[in-house]
Amino acid sequence: MNARVLTLLIGLVWLGTAAAAPDPAVETEYAVETTSTATSIATASGALAARGCATCEGVFVTLTSDSKFYVGRTLVPFAEFKAIAGGTRSHSMTIYYRAADKIVTRVVVAVD
């Protein structure tokens, strides 16, 4: 009987330890919903102040060579993205970045 109780307790401790360990594959992402006129993206890499509005305080994030650019659901080269997002017409834009290091993972501009 004591061996069964001991085995049960060891199993519960093991399960508790396994459940408490963070999953290294899970990354938290944040997003800034903005417009192409409130936040301009000059280059495909470097620092960027992502703003929710023209008078809002910016969140400083970093674009890297791994950052992806989308027009709608289509992955496009930065030059094409810039041509659409950099025009005089305002487009809805969402900037996604990793919470841990503020590296931009993708930027999506909505098209009508």
Protein backbone atom coordinates (compact mmCIF):
# COMPACT_ATOMS: atom_id res chain seq x y z
CA MET A 1 0.00 0.00 0.00
CA ASN A 2 2.78 2.46 0.87
CA ALA A 3 4.50 1.78 -2.44
CA ARG A 4 1.33 2.71 -4.33
CA VAL A 5 0.93 5.95 -2.39
CA LEU A 6 4.59 6.82 -2.96
CA THR A 7 4.28 6.07 -6.69
CA LEU A 8 1.14 8.21 -6.89
CA LEU A 9 2.83 11.11 -5.10
CA ILE A 10 5.90 10.93 -7.33
CA GLY A 11 3.65 10.90 -10.39
CA LEU A 12 1.73 13.96 -9.18
CA VAL A 13 4.95 15.86 -8.43
CA TRP A 14 6.28 14.97 -11.88
CA LEU A 15 3.07 16.14 -13.57
CA GLY A 16 3.10 19.37 -11.58
CA THR A 17 6.69 20.07 -12.59
CA ALA A 18 6.01 19.33 -16.25
CA ALA A 19 2.92 21.55 -16.29
CA ALA A 20 4.78 24.47 -14.68
CA ALA A 21 7.61 24.50 -17.22
CA PRO A 22 7.11 27.14 -19.94
CA ASP A 23 6.80 25.98 -23.52
CA PRO A 24 9.81 27.39 -25.39
CA ALA A 25 7.98 27.13 -28.72
CA VAL A 26 5.33 29.66 -27.66
CA GLU A 27 6.09 33.31 -28.41
CA THR A 28 3.89 36.20 -27.39
CA GLU A 29 3.18 38.73 -30.10
CA TYR A 30 1.71 42.19 -29.78
CA ALA A 31 0.17 44.25 -32.55
CA VAL A 32 -0.27 47.94 -33.26
CA GLU A 33 -3.26 48.86 -35.40
CA THR A 34 -2.41 52.02 -37.27
CA THR A 35 -2.66 53.65 -40.67
CA SER A 36 -0.08 54.16 -43.36
CA THR A 37 -0.21 57.91 -42.78
CA ALA A 38 0.24 57.69 -38.97
CA THR A 39 3.23 55.33 -39.20
CA SER A 40 5.52 55.46 -42.19
CA ILE A 41 8.01 52.70 -42.94
CA ALA A 42 10.99 54.18 -44.74
CA THR A 43 13.26 51.13 -44.96
CA ALA A 44 12.92 47.36 -44.78
CA SER A 45 15.18 47.19 -41.70
CA GLY A 46 15.91 49.45 -38.76
CA ALA A 47 14.03 51.17 -35.95
CA LEU A 48 10.42 52.24 -36.29
CA ALA A 49 7.98 54.12 -34.04
CA ALA A 50 4.65 52.35 -34.51
CA ARG A 51 1.78 54.67 -33.61
CA GLY A 52 -1.90 53.92 -33.18
CA CYS A 53 -2.70 57.51 -34.24
CA ALA A 54 -0.85 60.65 -35.27
CA THR A 55 -0.80 62.03 -31.71
CA CYS A 56 -0.31 58.68 -29.91
CA GLU A 57 2.99 57.78 -28.30
CA GLY A 58 4.94 55.37 -30.47
CA VAL A 59 6.08 51.88 -29.62
CA PHE A 60 9.67 51.52 -30.78
CA VAL A 61 10.14 48.27 -32.69
CA THR A 62 12.81 46.93 -35.04
CA LEU A 63 12.44 45.71 -38.60
CA THR A 64 14.90 43.01 -39.64
CA SER A 65 15.62 41.01 -42.76
CA ASP A 66 13.21 38.38 -41.36
CA SER A 67 10.29 40.86 -41.20
CA LYS A 68 7.57 40.05 -43.72
CA PHE A 69 5.38 42.50 -45.63
CA TYR A 70 1.84 41.71 -46.75
CA VAL A 71 -0.71 43.49 -48.88
CA GLY A 72 -3.94 41.88 -47.80
CA ARG A 73 -3.05 38.19 -47.48
CA THR A 74 -0.33 38.29 -50.13
CA LEU A 75 3.34 38.28 -49.16
CA VAL A 76 5.09 40.96 -51.23
CA PRO A 77 8.61 42.39 -51.53
CA PHE A 78 9.26 45.55 -49.51
CA ALA A 79 9.39 47.75 -52.63
CA GLU A 80 5.84 46.73 -53.59
CA PHE A 81 4.63 47.14 -50.02
CA LYS A 82 6.18 50.62 -49.85
CA ALA A 83 4.59 51.66 -53.15
CA ILE A 84 1.12 50.83 -51.81
CA ALA A 85 1.55 51.88 -48.18
CA GLY A 86 3.63 54.97 -48.95
CA GLY A 87 1.08 56.69 -51.16
CA THR A 88 -0.99 59.71 -50.18
CA ARG A 89 -4.06 57.56 -49.53
CA SER A 90 -4.36 56.22 -46.00
CA HIS A 91 -4.53 52.43 -45.59
CA SER A 92 -5.21 50.41 -42.44
CA MET A 93 -1.98 48.77 -41.30
CA THR A 94 -1.18 46.29 -38.55
CA ILE A 95 2.36 45.86 -37.24
CA TYR A 96 3.00 42.57 -35.40
CA TYR A 97 6.05 42.25 -33.15
CA ARG A 98 7.47 39.82 -30.61
CA ALA A 99 6.92 40.96 -27.04
CA ALA A 100 10.26 39.66 -25.80
CA ASP A 101 12.54 41.69 -28.07
CA LYS A 102 10.22 44.04 -30.03
CA ILE A 103 11.30 42.58 -33.38
CA VAL A 104 8.69 43.04 -36.12
CA THR A 105 7.53 39.70 -37.52
CA ARG A 106 5.16 41.06 -40.15
CA VAL A 107 3.42 44.19 -41.36
CA VAL A 108 0.03 43.90 -43.05
CA VAL A 109 -1.59 46.69 -45.03
CA ALA A 110 -5.27 46.33 -45.89
CA VAL A 111 -6.44 46.96 -49.42
CA ASP A 112 -9.97 47.82 -50.48
